[in-house]
Amino acid sequence: MNSPSDRLRIAWLTTGRGPGSFGALAYLFDAIGRGLPVDVAVVFVNRARGEAEPTDRLIAMAEAHGTPVELLSSVAFRKERGGKVGRPGEPLQPWRYEYDAEVARRLSQYRFDLGVMFGYMLIATEPLYGRFTFLNDHPALPDGPVGTYQEVIAELIRSGAEESGCMMNVVTGDVDRGPAVSFCRYAIRDAANAALWAELPPERAAGMDLEAVMATPLYADIRARGVARERPFLVETLRAIAEGRLPIPPPEPVDLTAEVERALAAERPAVY
């Protein structure tokens, strides 16, 4: 994709709806300031100013770093075209393909090597991923559960899983199942949280709805373990690509667990 001497230029796509999206981009900017050979060519947000306060904070941060920001509200776009809100399990609505064609047109104004979707709450369609190469962050191992991080954690608890991970995959029409690029793994069931698992055994969790599972201490514990690693994992993936050690797509996904744990240990005492 680029020689080891080049700086990797990325487009960053996000909805910016919460602290996770904000923190990841802030972490990336900080890593760039500390020598990561990456430049953020543009931040694209599928919301408009004033649509949500967390998103406005992210937009302001990106602009404070001198990064171009492109805004196109997917909600306003849908309403302008009289489009319908898609339902789970149904094919994507026609306006979604029109929206992605416009996103691709706007991104084409910028020079970048790779797109990164982080906290981007839209399913990409062919007009977008067919024109550019995008990586998507997913809070599971390559063979782990699909869906939102909330759904992933609930499924891990219900199945009594011993470990989970972070993954970057190439965006394709197969949601969360495009070719895996990199991953890291970490324990979610050990001595440190044994009491929490005892309070919420898998058979009990199986009978609870998602919101009930999300309200448990075990859910919070597993989420904290993932959040602690997803940011250094992102940086270590981009570092490997920028340094020419990780082609896109690679022959097989690269395990960055050791690099992520070293980065985490350097930041603060080990998390579990």
C-alpha atoms as a PDB file:
ATOM      1  CA  MET A   1       0.000   0.000   0.000  1.00  0.00           C
ATOM      2  CA  ASN A   2       2.791   2.401   0.856  1.00  0.00           C
ATOM      3  CA  SER A   3       6.506   2.061   1.442  1.00  0.00           C
ATOM      4  CA  PRO A   4       7.858   1.951   4.989  1.00  0.00           C
ATOM      5  CA  SER A   5       9.241   5.483   4.595  1.00  0.00           C
ATOM      6  CA  ASP A   6       5.856   6.990   3.741  1.00  0.00           C
ATOM      7  CA  ARG A   7       3.340   8.327   6.203  1.00  0.00           C
ATOM      8  CA  LEU A   8       0.037   6.502   6.056  1.00  0.00           C
ATOM      9  CA  ARG A   9      -2.824   8.846   5.201  1.00  0.00           C
ATOM     10  CA  ILE A  10      -6.237   7.797   6.455  1.00  0.00           C
ATOM     11  CA  ALA A  11      -9.830   8.943   6.237  1.00  0.00           C
ATOM     12  CA  TRP A  12     -11.627   8.536   9.560  1.00  0.00           C
ATOM     13  CA  LEU A  13     -15.371   7.777   9.434  1.00  0.00           C
ATOM     14  CA  THR A  14     -17.460   7.986  12.591  1.00  0.00           C
ATOM     15  CA  THR A  15     -20.886   8.840  13.928  1.00  0.00           C
ATOM     16  CA  GLY A  16     -19.260  10.236  17.044  1.00  0.00           C
ATOM     17  CA  ARG A  17     -22.174   9.317  19.226  1.00  0.00           C
ATOM     18  CA  GLY A  18     -20.345   8.666  22.484  1.00  0.00           C
ATOM     19  CA  PRO A  19     -17.154   8.780  24.568  1.00  0.00           C
ATOM     20  CA  GLY A  20     -15.717   5.692  22.874  1.00  0.00           C
ATOM     21  CA  SER A  21     -15.612   7.352  19.458  1.00  0.00           C
ATOM     22  CA  PHE A  22     -14.268  10.592  20.906  1.00  0.00           C
ATOM     23  CA  GLY A  23     -11.640   8.829  22.978  1.00  0.00           C
ATOM     24  CA  ALA A  24     -10.405   6.704  20.092  1.00  0.00           C
ATOM     25  CA  LEU A  25      -9.830   9.697  17.843  1.00  0.00           C
ATOM     26  CA  ALA A  26      -8.224  11.663  20.675  1.00  0.00           C
ATOM     27  CA  TYR A  27      -5.940   8.690  21.392  1.00  0.00           C
ATOM     28  CA  LEU A  28      -4.978   8.520  17.723  1.00  0.00           C
ATOM     29  CA  PHE A  29      -4.140  12.222  17.554  1.00  0.00           C
ATOM     30  CA  ASP A  30      -2.027  11.837  20.685  1.00  0.00           C
ATOM     31  CA  ALA A  31      -0.195   8.840  19.177  1.00  0.00           C
ATOM     32  CA  ILE A  32       0.493  10.850  16.017  1.00  0.00           C
ATOM     33  CA  GLY A  33       1.924  13.595  18.199  1.00  0.00           C
ATOM     34  CA  ARG A  34       4.230  10.997  19.778  1.00  0.00           C
ATOM     35  CA  GLY A  35       5.572   9.809  16.441  1.00  0.00           C
ATOM     36  CA  LEU A  36       3.029   7.446  14.866  1.00  0.00           C
ATOM     37  CA  PRO A  37       3.685   7.799  11.085  1.00  0.00           C
ATOM     38  CA  VAL A  38       0.031   8.452  10.235  1.00  0.00           C
ATOM     39  CA  ASP A  39      -1.864  11.534   9.043  1.00  0.00           C
ATOM     40  CA  VAL A  40      -5.632  11.981   9.269  1.00  0.00           C
ATOM     41  CA  ALA A  41      -6.532  13.415   5.867  1.00  0.00           C
ATOM     42  CA  VAL A  42     -10.208  13.937   6.716  1.00  0.00           C
ATOM     43  CA  VAL A  43     -12.761  13.102   9.385  1.00  0.00           C
ATOM     44  CA  PHE A  44     -16.180  12.225   7.960  1.00  0.00           C
ATOM     45  CA  VAL A  45     -19.214  12.332  10.254  1.00  0.00           C
ATOM     46  CA  ASN A  46     -22.700  11.199   9.289  1.00  0.00           C
ATOM     47  CA  ARG A  47     -24.287  13.886  11.452  1.00  0.00           C
ATOM     48  CA  ALA A  48     -24.678  17.645  11.163  1.00  0.00           C
ATOM     49  CA  ARG A  49     -23.600  20.238  13.706  1.00  0.00           C
ATOM     50  CA  GLY A  50     -26.163  20.552  16.448  1.00  0.00           C
ATOM     51  CA  GLU A  51     -27.546  17.054  15.912  1.00  0.00           C
ATOM     52  CA  ALA A  52     -25.932  15.626  19.053  1.00  0.00           C
ATOM     53  CA  GLU A  53     -23.651  17.155  21.678  1.00  0.00           C
ATOM     54  CA  PRO A  54     -21.139  14.250  21.756  1.00  0.00           C
ATOM     55  CA  THR A  55     -20.739  14.507  17.995  1.00  0.00           C
ATOM     56  CA  ASP A  56     -20.223  18.253  18.193  1.00  0.00           C
ATOM     57  CA  ARG A  57     -17.421  17.672  20.714  1.00  0.00           C
ATOM     58  CA  LEU A  58     -15.688  15.280  18.335  1.00  0.00           C
ATOM     59  CA  ILE A  59     -16.038  17.695  15.426  1.00  0.00           C
ATOM     60  CA  ALA A  60     -14.524  20.484  17.504  1.00  0.00           C
ATOM     61  CA  MET A  61     -11.608  18.290  18.546  1.00  0.00           C
ATOM     62  CA  ALA A  62     -10.821  17.293  14.961  1.00  0.00           C
ATOM     63  CA  GLU A  63     -10.919  20.909  13.827  1.00  0.00           C
ATOM     64  CA  ALA A  64      -8.708  21.940  16.738  1.00  0.00           C
ATOM     65  CA  HIS A  65      -6.090  19.537  15.344  1.00  0.00           C
ATOM     66  CA  GLY A  66      -6.327  21.224  11.948  1.00  0.00           C
ATOM     67  CA  THR A  67      -8.011  18.206  10.346  1.00  0.00           C
ATOM     68  CA  PRO A  68     -10.581  18.777   7.576  1.00  0.00           C
ATOM     69  CA  VAL A  69     -14.080  17.647   8.593  1.00  0.00           C
ATOM     70  CA  GLU A  70     -16.848  16.573   6.213  1.00  0.00           C
ATOM     71  CA  LEU A  71     -20.391  16.442   7.583  1.00  0.00           C
ATOM     72  CA  LEU A  72     -23.400  14.828   5.944  1.00  0.00           C
ATOM     73  CA  SER A  73     -26.331  13.948   8.163  1.00  0.00           C
ATOM     74  CA  SER A  74     -27.706  10.554   7.177  1.00  0.00           C
ATOM     75  CA  VAL A  75     -30.971  11.390   8.984  1.00  0.00           C
ATOM     76  CA  ALA A  76     -31.452  14.633   7.045  1.00  0.00           C
ATOM     77  CA  PHE A  77     -30.443  12.911   3.802  1.00  0.00           C
ATOM     78  CA  ARG A  78     -33.085  10.222   4.356  1.00  0.00           C
ATOM     79  CA  LYS A  79     -35.810  12.719   5.187  1.00  0.00           C
ATOM     80  CA  GLU A  80     -35.027  14.925   2.184  1.00  0.00           C
ATOM     81  CA  ARG A  81     -35.566  11.930  -0.085  1.00  0.00           C
ATOM     82  CA  GLY A  82     -38.606  10.577   1.708  1.00  0.00           C
ATOM     83  CA  GLY A  83     -36.691   7.446   2.592  1.00  0.00           C
ATOM     84  CA  LYS A  84     -37.772   4.894   5.149  1.00  0.00           C
ATOM     85  CA  VAL A  85     -35.899   3.685   8.198  1.00  0.00           C
ATOM     86  CA  GLY A  86     -34.694   0.157   7.547  1.00  0.00           C
ATOM     87  CA  ARG A  87     -35.712  -2.663   9.853  1.00  0.00           C
ATOM     88  CA  PRO A  88     -33.363  -5.391  11.122  1.00  0.00           C
ATOM     89  CA  GLY A  89     -33.208  -8.315   8.741  1.00  0.00           C
ATOM     90  CA  GLU A  90     -34.559  -6.346   5.787  1.00  0.00           C
ATOM     91  CA  PRO A  91     -32.506  -5.265   2.748  1.00  0.00           C
ATOM     92  CA  LEU A  92     -31.056  -1.781   3.021  1.00  0.00           C
ATOM     93  CA  GLN A  93     -33.309   0.980   1.746  1.00  0.00           C
ATOM     94  CA  PRO A  94     -32.490   2.532  -1.673  1.00  0.00           C
ATOM     95  CA  TRP A  95     -31.566   5.897  -0.141  1.00  0.00           C
ATOM     96  CA  ARG A  96     -28.655   4.239   1.674  1.00  0.00           C
ATOM     97  CA  TYR A  97     -26.912   3.493  -1.634  1.00  0.00           C
ATOM     98  CA  GLU A  98     -27.508   7.079  -2.755  1.00  0.00           C
ATOM     99  CA  TYR A  99     -26.098   8.339   0.525  1.00  0.00           C
ATOM    100  CA  ASP A 100     -22.938   6.250   0.224  1.00  0.00           C
ATOM    101  CA  ALA A 101     -22.429   7.441  -3.350  1.00  0.00           C
ATOM    102  CA  GLU A 102     -22.447  11.012  -2.044  1.00  0.00           C
ATOM    103  CA  VAL A 103     -20.071  10.100   0.793  1.00  0.00           C
ATOM    104  CA  ALA A 104     -17.699   8.563  -1.745  1.00  0.00           C
ATOM    105  CA  ARG A 105     -17.897  11.692  -3.889  1.00  0.00           C
ATOM    106  CA  ARG A 106     -16.987  13.896  -0.935  1.00  0.00           C
ATOM    107  CA  LEU A 107     -14.144  11.667   0.200  1.00  0.00           C
ATOM    108  CA  SER A 108     -12.713  11.647  -3.325  1.00  0.00           C
ATOM    109  CA  GLN A 109     -11.674  15.258  -2.768  1.00  0.00           C
ATOM    110  CA  TYR A 110      -9.016  14.072  -0.312  1.00  0.00           C
ATOM    111  CA  ARG A 111      -5.865  12.041  -0.833  1.00  0.00           C
ATOM    112  CA  PHE A 112      -5.714   9.052   1.485  1.00  0.00           C
ATOM    113  CA  ASP A 113      -4.457   5.470   1.425  1.00  0.00           C
ATOM    114  CA  LEU A 114      -7.002   3.830   3.661  1.00  0.00           C
ATOM    115  CA  GLY A 115     -10.298   4.545   5.369  1.00  0.00           C
ATOM    116  CA  VAL A 116     -10.994   3.616   8.987  1.00  0.00           C
ATOM    117  CA  MET A 117     -14.535   3.211  10.318  1.00  0.00           C
ATOM    118  CA  PHE A 118     -14.593   3.585  14.076  1.00  0.00           C
ATOM    119  CA  GLY A 119     -17.925   4.013  15.792  1.00  0.00           C
ATOM    120  CA  TYR A 120     -19.534   4.494  12.372  1.00  0.00           C
ATOM    121  CA  MET A 121     -23.114   3.352  12.874  1.00  0.00           C
ATOM    122  CA  LEU A 122     -24.075   2.824   9.244  1.00  0.00           C
ATOM    123  CA  ILE A 123     -23.633  -0.367   7.249  1.00  0.00           C
ATOM    124  CA  ALA A 124     -21.459   0.531   4.252  1.00  0.00           C
ATOM    125  CA  THR A 125     -22.754  -0.275   0.774  1.00  0.00           C
ATOM    126  CA  GLU A 126     -20.954  -1.013  -2.485  1.00  0.00           C
ATOM    127  CA  PRO A 127     -20.853   2.605  -3.761  1.00  0.00           C
ATOM    128  CA  LEU A 128     -18.590   3.346  -0.787  1.00  0.00           C
ATOM    129  CA  TYR A 129     -16.520   0.215  -0.091  1.00  0.00           C
ATOM    130  CA  GLY A 130     -16.291  -0.545  -3.804  1.00  0.00           C
ATOM    131  CA  ARG A 131     -14.438   2.725  -4.373  1.00  0.00           C
ATOM    132  CA  PHE A 132     -12.115   2.844  -1.364  1.00  0.00           C
ATOM    133  CA  THR A 133     -10.543   0.332   1.014  1.00  0.00           C
ATOM    134  CA  PHE A 134     -11.916   0.636   4.522  1.00  0.00           C
ATOM    135  CA  LEU A 135     -11.082  -1.065   7.785  1.00  0.00           C
ATOM    136  CA  ASN A 136     -13.734  -1.502  10.428  1.00  0.00           C
ATOM    137  CA  ASP A 137     -13.179  -2.036  14.132  1.00  0.00           C
ATOM    138  CA  HIS A 138     -15.131  -4.896  15.658  1.00  0.00           C
ATOM    139  CA  PRO A 139     -15.117  -5.781  19.379  1.00  0.00           C
ATOM    140  CA  ALA A 140     -14.580  -9.520  19.029  1.00  0.00           C
ATOM    141  CA  LEU A 141     -12.133 -12.115  17.787  1.00  0.00           C
ATOM    142  CA  PRO A 142     -12.274 -13.022  14.070  1.00  0.00           C
ATOM    143  CA  ASP A 143     -14.455 -16.044  14.852  1.00  0.00           C
ATOM    144  CA  GLY A 144     -16.405 -14.260  17.592  1.00  0.00           C
ATOM    145  CA  PRO A 145     -19.925 -12.812  17.734  1.00  0.00           C
ATOM    146  CA  VAL A 146     -21.127 -10.168  15.274  1.00  0.00           C
ATOM    147  CA  GLY A 147     -23.261  -7.103  15.961  1.00  0.00           C
ATOM    148  CA  THR A 148     -22.827  -4.055  18.184  1.00  0.00           C
ATOM    149  CA  TYR A 149     -20.454  -4.199  21.136  1.00  0.00           C
ATOM    150  CA  GLN A 150     -23.483  -4.459  23.421  1.00  0.00           C
ATOM    151  CA  GLU A 151     -24.751  -7.505  21.528  1.00  0.00           C
ATOM    152  CA  VAL A 152     -21.269  -9.028  21.411  1.00  0.00           C
ATOM    153  CA  ILE A 153     -20.742  -8.774  25.160  1.00  0.00           C
ATOM    154  CA  ALA A 154     -24.194 -10.182  25.897  1.00  0.00           C
ATOM    155  CA  GLU A 155     -23.494 -13.155  23.633  1.00  0.00           C
ATOM    156  CA  LEU A 156     -20.110 -13.738  25.296  1.00  0.00           C
ATOM    157  CA  ILE A 157     -21.787 -13.849  28.711  1.00  0.00           C
ATOM    158  CA  ARG A 158     -24.624 -16.101  27.551  1.00  0.00           C
ATOM    159  CA  SER A 159     -22.139 -18.541  26.036  1.00  0.00           C
ATOM    160  CA  GLY A 160     -19.800 -18.502  29.048  1.00  0.00           C
ATOM    161  CA  ALA A 161     -16.828 -17.456  26.889  1.00  0.00           C
ATOM    162  CA  GLU A 162     -13.339 -17.424  28.400  1.00  0.00           C
ATOM    163  CA  GLU A 163     -11.861 -14.734  26.160  1.00  0.00           C
ATOM    164  CA  SER A 164     -12.676 -12.052  23.633  1.00  0.00           C
ATOM    165  CA  GLY A 165     -10.709  -9.625  21.533  1.00  0.00           C
ATOM    166  CA  CYS A 166     -10.522  -6.680  19.170  1.00  0.00           C
ATOM    167  CA  MET A 167     -10.438  -7.070  15.416  1.00  0.00           C
ATOM    168  CA  MET A 168      -9.922  -4.953  12.326  1.00  0.00           C
ATOM    169  CA  ASN A 169     -11.462  -6.292   9.138  1.00  0.00           C
ATOM    170  CA  VAL A 170     -11.778  -5.086   5.552  1.00  0.00           C
ATOM    171  CA  VAL A 171     -15.232  -3.656   4.914  1.00  0.00           C
ATOM    172  CA  THR A 172     -17.248  -5.713   2.439  1.00  0.00           C
ATOM    173  CA  GLY A 173     -20.885  -6.536   1.906  1.00  0.00           C
ATOM    174  CA  ASP A 174     -20.559  -9.269   4.548  1.00  0.00           C
ATOM    175  CA  VAL A 175     -21.106  -7.202   7.688  1.00  0.00           C
ATOM    176  CA  ASP A 176     -18.453  -7.799  10.384  1.00  0.00           C
ATOM    177  CA  ARG A 177     -17.175 -10.782   8.373  1.00  0.00           C
ATOM    178  CA  GLY A 178     -14.929  -9.121   5.799  1.00  0.00           C
ATOM    179  CA  PRO A 179     -11.332 -10.405   5.667  1.00  0.00           C
ATOM    180  CA  ALA A 180      -9.724 -10.022   9.099  1.00  0.00           C
ATOM    181  CA  VAL A 181      -6.599  -7.857   9.090  1.00  0.00           C
ATOM    182  CA  SER A 182      -5.468  -7.888  12.712  1.00  0.00           C
ATOM    183  CA  PHE A 183      -6.678  -8.896  16.149  1.00  0.00           C
ATOM    184  CA  CYS A 184      -5.737  -9.067  19.795  1.00  0.00           C
ATOM    185  CA  ARG A 185      -7.160 -11.299  22.495  1.00  0.00           C
ATOM    186  CA  TYR A 186      -7.731 -10.929  26.231  1.00  0.00           C
ATOM    187  CA  ALA A 187      -9.328 -12.904  29.047  1.00  0.00           C
ATOM    188  CA  ILE A 188     -12.876 -12.079  30.101  1.00  0.00           C
ATOM    189  CA  ARG A 189     -13.204 -14.860  32.696  1.00  0.00           C
ATOM    190  CA  ASP A 190     -10.528 -15.203  35.371  1.00  0.00           C
ATOM    191  CA  ALA A 191      -9.877 -14.907  39.074  1.00  0.00           C
ATOM    192  CA  ALA A 192     -10.349 -11.148  39.027  1.00  0.00           C
ATOM    193  CA  ASN A 193     -13.995 -11.365  37.972  1.00  0.00           C
ATOM    194  CA  ALA A 194     -14.952 -14.843  39.175  1.00  0.00           C
ATOM    195  CA  ALA A 195     -17.440 -13.387  41.662  1.00  0.00           C
ATOM    196  CA  LEU A 196     -19.175 -11.440  38.901  1.00  0.00           C
ATOM    197  CA  TRP A 197     -19.545 -14.597  36.806  1.00  0.00           C
ATOM    198  CA  ALA A 198     -20.956 -16.385  39.858  1.00  0.00           C
ATOM    199  CA  GLU A 199     -23.600 -13.644  40.145  1.00  0.00           C
ATOM    200  CA  LEU A 200     -24.499 -13.966  36.463  1.00  0.00           C
ATOM    201  CA  PRO A 201     -23.962 -17.529  35.208  1.00  0.00           C
ATOM    202  CA  PRO A 202     -24.582 -18.113  31.485  1.00  0.00           C
ATOM    203  CA  GLU A 203     -27.843 -19.990  32.060  1.00  0.00           C
ATOM    204  CA  ARG A 204     -29.297 -16.994  33.901  1.00  0.00           C
ATOM    205  CA  ALA A 205     -28.049 -14.515  31.310  1.00  0.00           C
ATOM    206  CA  ALA A 206     -29.668 -16.601  28.567  1.00  0.00           C
ATOM    207  CA  GLY A 207     -33.078 -15.687  29.950  1.00  0.00           C
ATOM    208  CA  MET A 208     -32.373 -11.933  30.191  1.00  0.00           C
ATOM    209  CA  ASP A 209     -32.925  -9.321  27.520  1.00  0.00           C
ATOM    210  CA  LEU A 210     -30.092  -7.125  26.280  1.00  0.00           C
ATOM    211  CA  GLU A 211     -30.828  -4.137  28.503  1.00  0.00           C
ATOM    212  CA  ALA A 212     -30.921  -6.317  31.609  1.00  0.00           C
ATOM    213  CA  VAL A 213     -27.559  -7.862  30.748  1.00  0.00           C
ATOM    214  CA  MET A 214     -26.101  -4.411  30.098  1.00  0.00           C
ATOM    215  CA  ALA A 215     -27.091  -3.311  33.622  1.00  0.00           C
ATOM    216  CA  THR A 216     -24.942  -5.981  35.303  1.00  0.00           C
ATOM    217  CA  PRO A 217     -21.483  -5.531  36.847  1.00  0.00           C
ATOM    218  CA  LEU A 218     -20.143  -8.386  34.713  1.00  0.00           C
ATOM    219  CA  TYR A 219     -21.135  -6.575  31.518  1.00  0.00           C
ATOM    220  CA  ALA A 220     -19.363  -3.425  32.767  1.00  0.00           C
ATOM    221  CA  ASP A 221     -16.253  -5.430  33.660  1.00  0.00           C
ATOM    222  CA  ILE A 222     -16.007  -7.037  30.204  1.00  0.00           C
ATOM    223  CA  ARG A 223     -16.671  -3.741  28.473  1.00  0.00           C
ATOM    224  CA  ALA A 224     -13.889  -2.062  30.471  1.00  0.00           C
ATOM    225  CA  ARG A 225     -11.405  -4.741  29.430  1.00  0.00           C
ATOM    226  CA  GLY A 226     -12.257  -4.193  25.779  1.00  0.00           C
ATOM    227  CA  VAL A 227     -12.192  -0.403  25.907  1.00  0.00           C
ATOM    228  CA  ALA A 228      -8.763  -0.469  27.558  1.00  0.00           C
ATOM    229  CA  ARG A 229      -7.384  -2.365  24.574  1.00  0.00           C
ATOM    230  CA  GLU A 230      -9.292  -1.100  21.543  1.00  0.00           C
ATOM    231  CA  ARG A 231      -7.368   2.172  21.362  1.00  0.00           C
ATOM    232  CA  PRO A 232      -3.809   0.781  21.542  1.00  0.00           C
ATOM    233  CA  PHE A 233      -4.968  -2.000  19.207  1.00  0.00           C
ATOM    234  CA  LEU A 234      -6.081   0.590  16.653  1.00  0.00           C
ATOM    235  CA  VAL A 235      -2.753   2.412  16.889  1.00  0.00           C
ATOM    236  CA  GLU A 236      -0.677  -0.766  16.662  1.00  0.00           C
ATOM    237  CA  THR A 237      -2.642  -1.888  13.597  1.00  0.00           C
ATOM    238  CA  LEU A 238      -2.060   1.441  11.852  1.00  0.00           C
ATOM    239  CA  ARG A 239       1.610   1.388  12.884  1.00  0.00           C
ATOM    240  CA  ALA A 240       2.089  -2.051  11.329  1.00  0.00           C
ATOM    241  CA  ILE A 241       0.420  -0.887   8.096  1.00  0.00           C
ATOM    242  CA  ALA A 242       2.389   2.377   7.977  1.00  0.00           C
ATOM    243  CA  GLU A 243       5.686   0.557   8.514  1.00  0.00           C
ATOM    244  CA  GLY A 244       4.938  -1.894   5.702  1.00  0.00           C
ATOM    245  CA  ARG A 245       4.636  -4.922   8.001  1.00  0.00           C
ATOM    246  CA  LEU A 246       0.939  -5.471   7.363  1.00  0.00           C
ATOM    247  CA  PRO A 247      -0.422  -5.539   3.797  1.00  0.00           C
ATOM    248  CA  ILE A 248      -4.138  -4.981   3.211  1.00  0.00           C
ATOM    249  CA  PRO A 249      -5.512  -7.566   3.067  1.00  0.00           C
ATOM    250  CA  PRO A 250      -2.830  -9.778   4.626  1.00  0.00           C
ATOM    251  CA  PRO A 251      -2.360 -13.483   3.800  1.00  0.00           C
ATOM    252  CA  GLU A 252      -3.756 -14.130   7.270  1.00  0.00           C
ATOM    253  CA  PRO A 253      -4.747 -11.833  10.160  1.00  0.00           C
ATOM    254  CA  VAL A 254      -1.895 -10.655  12.358  1.00  0.00           C
ATOM    255  CA  ASP A 255      -2.038 -11.238  16.111  1.00  0.00           C
ATOM    256  CA  LEU A 256      -1.067  -7.982  17.857  1.00  0.00           C
ATOM    257  CA  THR A 257      -1.805  -9.130  21.396  1.00  0.00           C
ATOM    258  CA  ALA A 258       1.798  -8.742  22.600  1.00  0.00           C
ATOM    259  CA  GLU A 259       2.100  -5.223  21.157  1.00  0.00           C
ATOM    260  CA  VAL A 260      -1.219  -4.157  22.664  1.00  0.00           C
ATOM    261  CA  GLU A 261      -0.386  -5.493  26.116  1.00  0.00           C
ATOM    262  CA  ARG A 262       3.008  -3.758  26.033  1.00  0.00           C
ATOM    263  CA  ALA A 263       1.350  -0.473  25.083  1.00  0.00           C
ATOM    264  CA  LEU A 264      -1.242  -0.912  27.813  1.00  0.00           C
ATOM    265  CA  ALA A 265       1.400  -1.695  30.423  1.00  0.00           C
ATOM    266  CA  ALA A 266       3.354   1.414  29.429  1.00  0.00           C
ATOM    267  CA  GLU A 267       0.296   3.601  29.970  1.00  0.00           C
ATOM    268  CA  ARG A 268      -0.719   2.293  33.391  1.00  0.00           C
ATOM    269  CA  PRO A 269      -0.726  -0.855  35.544  1.00  0.00           C
ATOM    270  CA  ALA A 270      -1.961  -3.919  33.712  1.00  0.00           C
ATOM    271  CA  VAL A 271      -5.736  -4.229  33.306  1.00  0.00           C
ATOM    272  CA  TYR A 272      -6.627  -7.707  34.529  1.00  0.00           C
END
